[in-house]
Amino acid sequence: MKKSTIRSTLLTGLLVWALMCQSCKQKHQEETKEVEKEVSAEPEKPEYFLLRPEVEKAYGYSHAVKIGNDIKISGAVSMDDEGNPTAIGDLEQQMKNCYADLDKILKHFGCTFDDVVKEDIFTTDMAQMLEKSAYRAEIYKNGFPTGSWLEVKGLALPEFMVEIELEVHKPE
C-alpha cells in the first residue's frame, strides 16, 4: 500500500473518530443537563408549627417542623396553655397529656400515630414509666415505632416526669 493511501486512510479514520467523539460528547452534555435539571429541583421549605405560640416563643423553639414528608416533633410535656406543669406527681396522667398534645400536632399535619417512625421518651422515673407504659398500646394500635427510653436526672421544669419526642414520615 502506498504511503499516501495509508496516510489518507489514517486521516479519514481519525476524522470519523473525532466526529463520533464530538457526537458522544454532545449527547453526554445533553444527558448531564437533564440530570442537573432533576437534581437542582427547588428545595422544600420547612413548615413550622407552634402548639402554644407564646410558650414556645418564650423558650425559643418550634413544637414541630415539617420538611418534605418528614416531621420532627419536639418533646411534649404535661403543661397547660400558659406553660405551667399539670398532673404534678402523676406520671401516668403526664404521659396521657403528652400524647394528647402529640395527637393535636399529628392531626395538624394530617397524620396519626400510625405515621410515627421514631419515639424517644425521657423520664425522671424509669421504674414507674415501665409500670405505666401499657397505655402506649392504646396509642400505637398497629405496631410500635423505633426509639429510645432514657432515664434522666431532670427535665425542663422539676415537675415534669416525662417528655416524649416523635419523628414522623407522612406518606404521599
N, C-alpha and C. Protein backbone atom coordinates (compact mmCIF):
# COMPACT_ATOMS: atom_id res chain seq x y z
N MET A 1 0.84 -1.17 0.00
CA MET A 1 0.00 0.00 0.00
C MET A 1 0.90 1.24 0.00
N LYS A 2 0.49 2.22 -0.73
CA LYS A 2 1.26 3.45 -0.84
C LYS A 2 1.15 4.26 0.43
N LYS A 3 2.21 5.05 0.68
CA LYS A 3 2.22 5.90 1.86
C LYS A 3 1.07 6.90 1.84
N SER A 4 0.79 7.45 0.67
CA SER A 4 -0.29 8.44 0.57
C SER A 4 -1.65 7.80 0.84
N THR A 5 -1.84 6.54 0.45
CA THR A 5 -3.09 5.84 0.71
C THR A 5 -3.22 5.54 2.20
N ILE A 6 -2.12 5.11 2.82
CA ILE A 6 -2.13 4.82 4.26
C ILE A 6 -2.43 6.11 5.02
N ARG A 7 -1.73 7.19 4.62
CA ARG A 7 -1.94 8.48 5.29
C ARG A 7 -3.39 8.92 5.12
N SER A 8 -3.95 8.80 3.95
CA SER A 8 -5.32 9.20 3.68
C SER A 8 -6.30 8.36 4.49
N THR A 9 -6.04 7.04 4.58
CA THR A 9 -6.90 6.14 5.34
C THR A 9 -6.85 6.50 6.83
N LEU A 10 -5.63 6.76 7.33
CA LEU A 10 -5.48 7.15 8.74
C LEU A 10 -6.20 8.47 9.02
N LEU A 11 -6.02 9.44 8.14
CA LEU A 11 -6.67 10.74 8.34
C LEU A 11 -8.20 10.60 8.30
N THR A 12 -8.71 9.79 7.40
CA THR A 12 -10.15 9.56 7.32
C THR A 12 -10.64 8.90 8.60
N GLY A 13 -9.89 7.90 9.08
CA GLY A 13 -10.25 7.22 10.33
C GLY A 13 -10.27 8.17 11.52
N LEU A 14 -9.24 9.02 11.59
CA LEU A 14 -9.17 9.99 12.69
C LEU A 14 -10.33 10.98 12.62
N LEU A 15 -10.65 11.41 11.40
CA LEU A 15 -11.76 12.35 11.22
C LEU A 15 -13.08 11.70 11.66
N VAL A 16 -13.32 10.45 11.24
CA VAL A 16 -14.54 9.74 11.65
C VAL A 16 -14.57 9.58 13.16
N TRP A 17 -13.43 9.20 13.76
CA TRP A 17 -13.35 9.03 15.22
C TRP A 17 -13.63 10.36 15.93
N ALA A 18 -13.07 11.44 15.43
CA ALA A 18 -13.27 12.76 16.04
C ALA A 18 -14.73 13.17 15.96
N LEU A 19 -15.37 12.90 14.81
CA LEU A 19 -16.79 13.24 14.67
C LEU A 19 -17.64 12.40 15.62
N MET A 20 -17.29 11.12 15.75
CA MET A 20 -18.03 10.24 16.67
C MET A 20 -17.85 10.73 18.11
N CYS A 21 -16.63 11.11 18.46
CA CYS A 21 -16.38 11.61 19.81
C CYS A 21 -17.15 12.89 20.07
N GLN A 22 -17.20 13.77 19.06
CA GLN A 22 -17.95 15.03 19.20
C GLN A 22 -19.43 14.74 19.41
N SER A 23 -19.96 13.77 18.66
CA SER A 23 -21.37 13.39 18.80
C SER A 23 -21.63 12.83 20.19
N CYS A 24 -20.71 11.95 20.66
CA CYS A 24 -20.86 11.38 22.01
C CYS A 24 -20.77 12.46 23.07
N LYS A 25 -19.85 13.41 22.86
CA LYS A 25 -19.67 14.50 23.82
C LYS A 25 -20.94 15.34 23.92
N GLN A 26 -21.54 15.66 22.76
CA GLN A 26 -22.78 16.45 22.76
C GLN A 26 -23.90 15.69 23.46
N LYS A 27 -24.01 14.39 23.17
CA LYS A 27 -25.04 13.58 23.81
C LYS A 27 -24.83 13.53 25.32
N HIS A 28 -23.58 13.37 25.74
CA HIS A 28 -23.26 13.33 27.17
C HIS A 28 -23.60 14.66 27.83
N GLN A 29 -23.29 15.79 27.15
CA GLN A 29 -23.62 17.11 27.70
C GLN A 29 -25.13 17.28 27.86
N GLU A 30 -25.91 16.81 26.88
CA GLU A 30 -27.37 16.91 26.96
C GLU A 30 -27.89 16.06 28.12
N GLU A 31 -27.36 14.85 28.27
CA GLU A 31 -27.79 13.98 29.37
C GLU A 31 -27.44 14.60 30.71
N THR A 32 -26.25 15.19 30.80
CA THR A 32 -25.82 15.85 32.04
C THR A 32 -26.75 17.01 32.39
N LYS A 33 -27.15 17.80 31.38
CA LYS A 33 -28.07 18.92 31.62
C LYS A 33 -29.41 18.42 32.15
N GLU A 34 -29.91 17.31 31.60
CA GLU A 34 -31.17 16.74 32.07
C GLU A 34 -31.07 16.30 33.52
N VAL A 35 -29.98 15.63 33.86
CA VAL A 35 -29.77 15.18 35.24
C VAL A 35 -29.66 16.38 36.16
N GLU A 36 -28.94 17.42 35.74
CA GLU A 36 -28.81 18.62 36.56
C GLU A 36 -30.17 19.26 36.81
N LYS A 37 -31.05 19.27 35.81
CA LYS A 37 -32.40 19.81 35.99
C LYS A 37 -33.14 19.04 37.07
N GLU A 38 -33.03 17.71 37.04
CA GLU A 38 -33.72 16.87 38.03
C GLU A 38 -33.14 17.08 39.42
N VAL A 39 -31.82 17.16 39.52
CA VAL A 39 -31.17 17.28 40.82
C VAL A 39 -31.34 18.67 41.41
N SER A 40 -31.36 19.69 40.59
CA SER A 40 -31.42 21.05 41.10
C SER A 40 -32.86 21.52 41.31
N ALA A 41 -33.75 20.61 41.64
CA ALA A 41 -35.13 20.98 41.94
C ALA A 41 -35.12 21.89 43.17
N GLU A 42 -36.06 22.77 43.24
CA GLU A 42 -36.17 23.72 44.34
C GLU A 42 -36.29 22.97 45.67
N PRO A 43 -35.41 23.27 46.64
CA PRO A 43 -35.50 22.59 47.93
C PRO A 43 -36.80 22.97 48.65
N GLU A 44 -37.34 22.01 49.39
CA GLU A 44 -38.58 22.28 50.11
C GLU A 44 -38.29 23.13 51.33
N LYS A 45 -39.17 24.08 51.55
CA LYS A 45 -39.00 24.97 52.70
C LYS A 45 -39.64 24.33 53.93
N PRO A 46 -39.03 24.52 55.08
CA PRO A 46 -39.61 23.96 56.30
C PRO A 46 -40.94 24.63 56.64
N GLU A 47 -41.85 23.83 57.17
CA GLU A 47 -43.13 24.35 57.68
C GLU A 47 -43.08 24.21 59.20
N TYR A 48 -43.21 25.32 59.89
CA TYR A 48 -43.12 25.33 61.35
C TYR A 48 -44.52 25.33 61.96
N PHE A 49 -44.65 24.64 63.09
CA PHE A 49 -45.93 24.60 63.79
C PHE A 49 -45.69 24.87 65.28
N LEU A 50 -46.45 25.80 65.82
CA LEU A 50 -46.38 26.13 67.24
C LEU A 50 -47.69 25.71 67.90
N LEU A 51 -47.61 24.81 68.85
CA LEU A 51 -48.80 24.35 69.57
C LEU A 51 -49.25 25.41 70.57
N ARG A 52 -48.29 25.96 71.29
CA ARG A 52 -48.54 27.03 72.26
C ARG A 52 -47.59 28.18 71.92
N PRO A 53 -47.98 29.02 70.95
CA PRO A 53 -47.05 30.02 70.42
C PRO A 53 -46.34 30.88 71.46
N GLU A 54 -47.05 31.38 72.44
CA GLU A 54 -46.42 32.26 73.43
C GLU A 54 -45.37 31.52 74.24
N VAL A 55 -45.69 30.30 74.66
CA VAL A 55 -44.75 29.50 75.45
C VAL A 55 -43.53 29.15 74.61
N GLU A 56 -43.78 28.70 73.39
CA GLU A 56 -42.68 28.25 72.54
C GLU A 56 -41.77 29.42 72.14
N LYS A 57 -42.36 30.58 71.89
CA LYS A 57 -41.53 31.75 71.57
C LYS A 57 -40.70 32.16 72.79
N ALA A 58 -41.30 32.09 73.98
CA ALA A 58 -40.57 32.46 75.20
C ALA A 58 -39.38 31.54 75.45
N TYR A 59 -39.54 30.24 75.14
CA TYR A 59 -38.45 29.29 75.37
C TYR A 59 -37.56 29.12 74.14
N GLY A 60 -37.98 29.66 72.99
CA GLY A 60 -37.16 29.64 71.79
C GLY A 60 -37.12 28.32 71.04
N TYR A 61 -38.28 27.75 70.76
CA TYR A 61 -38.33 26.53 69.95
C TYR A 61 -39.65 26.45 69.20
N SER A 62 -39.69 25.59 68.18
CA SER A 62 -40.93 25.28 67.47
C SER A 62 -41.32 23.88 67.88
N HIS A 63 -42.60 23.66 68.08
CA HIS A 63 -43.01 22.32 68.53
C HIS A 63 -42.86 21.29 67.43
N ALA A 64 -42.97 21.71 66.17
CA ALA A 64 -42.80 20.76 65.08
C ALA A 64 -42.29 21.48 63.84
N VAL A 65 -41.52 20.74 63.04
CA VAL A 65 -41.04 21.25 61.77
C VAL A 65 -41.21 20.13 60.74
N LYS A 66 -41.84 20.49 59.62
CA LYS A 66 -42.06 19.53 58.53
C LYS A 66 -41.22 19.95 57.34
N ILE A 67 -40.46 19.00 56.81
CA ILE A 67 -39.71 19.22 55.58
C ILE A 67 -40.00 18.02 54.69
N GLY A 68 -40.61 18.28 53.55
CA GLY A 68 -40.99 17.17 52.67
C GLY A 68 -42.01 16.28 53.36
N ASN A 69 -41.71 15.00 53.42
CA ASN A 69 -42.62 14.04 54.05
C ASN A 69 -42.23 13.74 55.49
N ASP A 70 -41.22 14.43 56.00
CA ASP A 70 -40.73 14.14 57.35
C ASP A 70 -41.07 15.27 58.32
N ILE A 71 -41.48 14.87 59.52
CA ILE A 71 -41.86 15.83 60.56
C ILE A 71 -41.10 15.47 61.82
N LYS A 72 -40.46 16.46 62.42
CA LYS A 72 -39.78 16.30 63.70
C LYS A 72 -40.60 17.05 64.74
N ILE A 73 -40.95 16.35 65.81
CA ILE A 73 -41.78 16.95 66.86
C ILE A 73 -40.97 17.02 68.15
N SER A 74 -40.85 18.24 68.68
CA SER A 74 -40.12 18.46 69.93
C SER A 74 -40.80 17.70 71.07
N GLY A 75 -40.04 17.51 72.12
CA GLY A 75 -40.56 16.80 73.28
C GLY A 75 -41.81 17.45 73.85
N ALA A 76 -42.85 16.63 73.99
CA ALA A 76 -44.10 17.09 74.61
C ALA A 76 -44.02 16.80 76.10
N VAL A 77 -44.44 17.77 76.89
CA VAL A 77 -44.50 17.61 78.35
C VAL A 77 -45.92 17.95 78.79
N SER A 78 -46.22 17.65 80.02
CA SER A 78 -47.56 17.89 80.56
C SER A 78 -47.65 19.33 81.08
N MET A 79 -48.22 20.22 80.22
CA MET A 79 -48.36 21.62 80.62
C MET A 79 -49.66 22.20 80.10
N ASP A 80 -50.10 23.30 80.73
CA ASP A 80 -51.29 23.99 80.25
C ASP A 80 -50.87 25.01 79.19
N ASP A 81 -51.82 25.77 78.69
CA ASP A 81 -51.53 26.72 77.60
C ASP A 81 -50.64 27.89 78.02
N GLU A 82 -50.48 28.10 79.31
CA GLU A 82 -49.59 29.16 79.79
C GLU A 82 -48.20 28.62 80.12
N GLY A 83 -48.00 27.31 79.94
CA GLY A 83 -46.69 26.72 80.20
C GLY A 83 -46.50 26.20 81.61
N ASN A 84 -47.58 26.15 82.38
CA ASN A 84 -47.49 25.65 83.76
C ASN A 84 -47.61 24.13 83.77
N PRO A 85 -46.78 23.44 84.57
CA PRO A 85 -46.87 21.98 84.67
C PRO A 85 -48.25 21.54 85.15
N THR A 86 -48.73 20.42 84.62
CA THR A 86 -50.00 19.84 85.04
C THR A 86 -49.76 18.40 85.49
N ALA A 87 -50.72 17.84 86.18
CA ALA A 87 -50.65 16.46 86.68
C ALA A 87 -49.36 16.23 87.49
N ILE A 88 -49.04 17.17 88.32
CA ILE A 88 -47.80 17.11 89.10
C ILE A 88 -47.82 15.86 89.99
N GLY A 89 -46.74 15.08 89.89
CA GLY A 89 -46.60 13.87 90.70
C GLY A 89 -47.30 12.64 90.12
N ASP A 90 -47.99 12.77 89.00
CA ASP A 90 -48.75 11.66 88.40
C ASP A 90 -48.18 11.36 87.01
N LEU A 91 -47.21 10.45 86.95
CA LEU A 91 -46.53 10.14 85.69
C LEU A 91 -47.50 9.63 84.64
N GLU A 92 -48.43 8.78 85.00
CA GLU A 92 -49.37 8.25 84.01
C GLU A 92 -50.21 9.35 83.37
N GLN A 93 -50.72 10.27 84.17
CA GLN A 93 -51.51 11.37 83.61
C GLN A 93 -50.63 12.31 82.78
N GLN A 94 -49.40 12.52 83.23
CA GLN A 94 -48.49 13.35 82.44
C GLN A 94 -48.26 12.70 81.07
N MET A 95 -48.07 11.40 81.04
CA MET A 95 -47.87 10.68 79.79
C MET A 95 -49.09 10.85 78.89
N LYS A 96 -50.29 10.69 79.45
CA LYS A 96 -51.52 10.86 78.67
C LYS A 96 -51.64 12.29 78.12
N ASN A 97 -51.25 13.27 78.92
CA ASN A 97 -51.27 14.66 78.47
C ASN A 97 -50.29 14.89 77.32
N CYS A 98 -49.12 14.26 77.41
CA CYS A 98 -48.14 14.36 76.33
C CYS A 98 -48.72 13.81 75.03
N TYR A 99 -49.32 12.62 75.10
CA TYR A 99 -49.88 12.01 73.89
C TYR A 99 -51.05 12.81 73.34
N ALA A 100 -51.81 13.47 74.20
CA ALA A 100 -52.92 14.31 73.73
C ALA A 100 -52.37 15.49 72.91
N ASP A 101 -51.29 16.12 73.41
CA ASP A 101 -50.67 17.21 72.66
C ASP A 101 -50.06 16.70 71.35
N LEU A 102 -49.39 15.56 71.42
CA LEU A 102 -48.78 15.00 70.21
C LEU A 102 -49.85 14.68 69.16
N ASP A 103 -51.00 14.20 69.62
CA ASP A 103 -52.10 13.90 68.70
C ASP A 103 -52.57 15.18 67.98
N LYS A 104 -52.64 16.30 68.69
CA LYS A 104 -53.03 17.57 68.08
C LYS A 104 -52.04 17.97 66.98
N ILE A 105 -50.77 17.77 67.26
CA ILE A 105 -49.74 18.14 66.28
C ILE A 105 -49.83 17.22 65.06
N LEU A 106 -49.98 15.93 65.29
CA LEU A 106 -50.10 14.98 64.19
C LEU A 106 -51.30 15.33 63.31
N LYS A 107 -52.43 15.63 63.94
CA LYS A 107 -53.63 15.98 63.18
C LYS A 107 -53.43 17.24 62.36
N HIS A 108 -52.68 18.21 62.90
CA HIS A 108 -52.39 19.43 62.15
C HIS A 108 -51.75 19.09 60.80
N PHE A 109 -50.89 18.08 60.78
CA PHE A 109 -50.19 17.69 59.56
C PHE A 109 -50.91 16.58 58.80
N GLY A 110 -52.13 16.22 59.24
CA GLY A 110 -52.87 15.16 58.56
C GLY A 110 -52.31 13.77 58.83
N CYS A 111 -51.72 13.59 59.98
CA CYS A 111 -51.10 12.30 60.34
C CYS A 111 -51.78 11.69 61.55
N THR A 112 -51.41 10.44 61.82
CA THR A 112 -51.85 9.73 63.02
C THR A 112 -50.62 9.08 63.65
N PHE A 113 -50.82 8.41 64.75
CA PHE A 113 -49.71 7.71 65.39
C PHE A 113 -49.21 6.56 64.52
N ASP A 114 -49.98 6.12 63.55
CA ASP A 114 -49.52 5.10 62.61
C ASP A 114 -48.38 5.61 61.73
N ASP A 115 -48.24 6.93 61.61
CA ASP A 115 -47.19 7.53 60.78
C ASP A 115 -45.89 7.77 61.55
N VAL A 116 -45.91 7.53 62.86
CA VAL A 116 -44.73 7.75 63.69
C VAL A 116 -43.70 6.65 63.42
N VAL A 117 -42.47 7.06 63.13
CA VAL A 117 -41.41 6.08 62.88
C VAL A 117 -40.40 6.01 64.02
N LYS A 118 -40.38 7.04 64.86
CA LYS A 118 -39.46 7.04 66.00
C LYS A 118 -40.06 7.81 67.16
N GLU A 119 -39.94 7.22 68.34
CA GLU A 119 -40.43 7.87 69.55
C GLU A 119 -39.34 7.75 70.61
N ASP A 120 -38.91 8.89 71.13
CA ASP A 120 -37.94 8.89 72.22
C ASP A 120 -38.62 9.40 73.47
N ILE A 121 -38.47 8.65 74.55
CA ILE A 121 -39.10 9.01 75.82
C ILE A 121 -38.00 9.29 76.85
N PHE A 122 -38.14 10.43 77.50
CA PHE A 122 -37.23 10.81 78.58
C PHE A 122 -38.06 10.85 79.85
N THR A 123 -37.59 10.21 80.90
CA THR A 123 -38.34 10.18 82.15
C THR A 123 -37.41 10.33 83.34
N THR A 124 -37.94 10.88 84.41
CA THR A 124 -37.16 11.00 85.63
C THR A 124 -37.37 9.78 86.53
N ASP A 125 -38.25 8.85 86.12
CA ASP A 125 -38.54 7.66 86.93
C ASP A 125 -38.83 6.47 86.01
N MET A 126 -37.78 5.78 85.60
CA MET A 126 -37.92 4.69 84.64
C MET A 126 -38.77 3.55 85.21
N ALA A 127 -38.61 3.23 86.48
CA ALA A 127 -39.38 2.13 87.07
C ALA A 127 -40.88 2.41 86.93
N GLN A 128 -41.28 3.63 87.26
CA GLN A 128 -42.70 3.98 87.16
C GLN A 128 -43.15 4.05 85.68
N MET A 129 -42.26 4.52 84.81
CA MET A 129 -42.58 4.58 83.38
C MET A 129 -42.84 3.18 82.85
N LEU A 130 -42.03 2.23 83.24
CA LEU A 130 -42.23 0.84 82.81
C LEU A 130 -43.56 0.28 83.31
N GLU A 131 -43.93 0.65 84.53
CA GLU A 131 -45.23 0.21 85.09
C GLU A 131 -46.40 0.78 84.30
N LYS A 132 -46.28 2.01 83.88
CA LYS A 132 -47.40 2.72 83.23
C LYS A 132 -47.36 2.64 81.70
N SER A 133 -46.37 2.03 81.14
CA SER A 133 -46.17 2.06 79.69
C SER A 133 -47.21 1.28 78.89
N ALA A 134 -48.00 0.45 79.53
CA ALA A 134 -49.03 -0.30 78.81
C ALA A 134 -50.00 0.63 78.09
N TYR A 135 -50.14 1.85 78.59
CA TYR A 135 -51.02 2.83 77.94
C TYR A 135 -50.62 3.05 76.49
N ARG A 136 -49.36 2.91 76.16
CA ARG A 136 -48.88 3.14 74.80
C ARG A 136 -49.55 2.21 73.79
N ALA A 137 -50.02 1.04 74.23
CA ALA A 137 -50.71 0.11 73.32
C ALA A 137 -52.02 0.71 72.82
N GLU A 138 -52.60 1.64 73.58
CA GLU A 138 -53.81 2.34 73.13
C GLU A 138 -53.48 3.39 72.07
N ILE A 139 -52.24 3.85 72.08
CA ILE A 139 -51.79 4.87 71.13
C ILE A 139 -51.32 4.21 69.83
N TYR A 140 -50.48 3.21 69.98
CA TYR A 140 -49.89 2.53 68.81
C TYR A 140 -50.61 1.20 68.59
N LYS A 141 -51.73 1.27 67.92
CA LYS A 141 -52.57 0.07 67.72
C LYS A 141 -52.05 -0.84 66.61
N ASN A 142 -51.26 -0.30 65.68
CA ASN A 142 -50.79 -1.09 64.53
C ASN A 142 -49.29 -1.36 64.57
N GLY A 143 -48.69 -1.28 65.71
CA GLY A 143 -47.25 -1.52 65.84
C GLY A 143 -46.54 -0.33 66.44
N PHE A 144 -45.51 -0.63 67.20
CA PHE A 144 -44.75 0.41 67.88
C PHE A 144 -43.64 0.94 66.97
N PRO A 145 -43.32 2.23 67.11
CA PRO A 145 -42.21 2.79 66.35
C PRO A 145 -40.86 2.40 66.98
N THR A 146 -39.78 2.75 66.31
CA THR A 146 -38.46 2.60 66.92
C THR A 146 -38.30 3.70 67.95
N GLY A 147 -37.23 3.66 68.70
CA GLY A 147 -36.97 4.75 69.63
C GLY A 147 -36.16 4.32 70.82
N SER A 148 -35.98 5.26 71.72
CA SER A 148 -35.20 5.03 72.93
C SER A 148 -35.97 5.54 74.14
N TRP A 149 -35.72 4.89 75.26
CA TRP A 149 -36.24 5.35 76.54
C TRP A 149 -35.03 5.66 77.40
N LEU A 150 -35.00 6.86 77.96
CA LEU A 150 -33.87 7.27 78.77
C LEU A 150 -34.34 7.82 80.10
N GLU A 151 -33.71 7.38 81.17
CA GLU A 151 -33.97 7.99 82.47
C GLU A 151 -32.99 9.14 82.62
N VAL A 152 -33.52 10.30 82.97
CA VAL A 152 -32.70 11.50 83.09
C VAL A 152 -32.80 12.07 84.50
N LYS A 153 -31.83 12.86 84.86
CA LYS A 153 -31.81 13.49 86.18
C LYS A 153 -32.94 14.51 86.32
N GLY A 154 -33.24 15.21 85.24
CA GLY A 154 -34.28 16.22 85.29
C GLY A 154 -34.69 16.65 83.89
N LEU A 155 -35.85 17.26 83.80
CA LEU A 155 -36.37 17.80 82.54
C LEU A 155 -36.42 19.33 82.67
N ALA A 156 -37.05 20.02 81.74
CA ALA A 156 -37.04 21.49 81.71
C ALA A 156 -37.50 22.12 83.02
N LEU A 157 -38.53 21.57 83.62
CA LEU A 157 -39.00 22.03 84.92
C LEU A 157 -39.03 20.82 85.87
N PRO A 158 -38.77 21.03 87.14
CA PRO A 158 -38.68 19.89 88.06
C PRO A 158 -39.98 19.08 88.20
N GLU A 159 -41.13 19.68 87.87
CA GLU A 159 -42.40 18.96 87.98
C GLU A 159 -42.63 17.97 86.84
N PHE A 160 -41.93 18.16 85.74
CA PHE A 160 -42.09 17.25 84.60
C PHE A 160 -41.43 15.91 84.90
N MET A 161 -42.18 14.84 84.66
CA MET A 161 -41.68 13.48 84.90
C MET A 161 -41.43 12.72 83.61
N VAL A 162 -42.01 13.21 82.51
CA VAL A 162 -41.87 12.52 81.23
C VAL A 162 -41.91 13.55 80.10
N GLU A 163 -41.13 13.27 79.06
CA GLU A 163 -41.11 14.08 77.85
C GLU A 163 -41.01 13.12 76.67
N ILE A 164 -41.84 13.37 75.64
CA ILE A 164 -41.91 12.44 74.50
C ILE A 164 -41.68 13.20 73.19
N GLU A 165 -40.67 12.77 72.43
CA GLU A 165 -40.36 13.32 71.11
C GLU A 165 -40.78 12.34 70.04
N LEU A 166 -41.16 12.85 68.87
CA LEU A 166 -41.55 11.98 67.76
C LEU A 166 -40.85 12.39 66.47
N GLU A 167 -40.63 11.38 65.62
CA GLU A 167 -40.27 11.60 64.23
C GLU A 167 -41.34 10.89 63.41
N VAL A 168 -41.82 11.59 62.39
CA VAL A 168 -42.96 11.12 61.61
C VAL A 168 -42.60 11.12 60.13
N HIS A 169 -43.08 10.12 59.42
CA HIS A 169 -42.97 10.10 57.97
C HIS A 169 -44.39 10.07 57.42
N LYS A 170 -44.75 11.15 56.74
CA LYS A 170 -46.11 11.26 56.18
C LYS A 170 -46.10 10.70 54.77
N PRO A 171 -46.87 9.64 54.54
CA PRO A 171 -46.93 9.08 53.18
C PRO A 171 -47.52 10.10 52.21
N GLU A 172 -47.15 9.98 50.94
CA GLU A 172 -47.66 10.91 49.92
C GLU A 172 -49.12 10.69 49.67
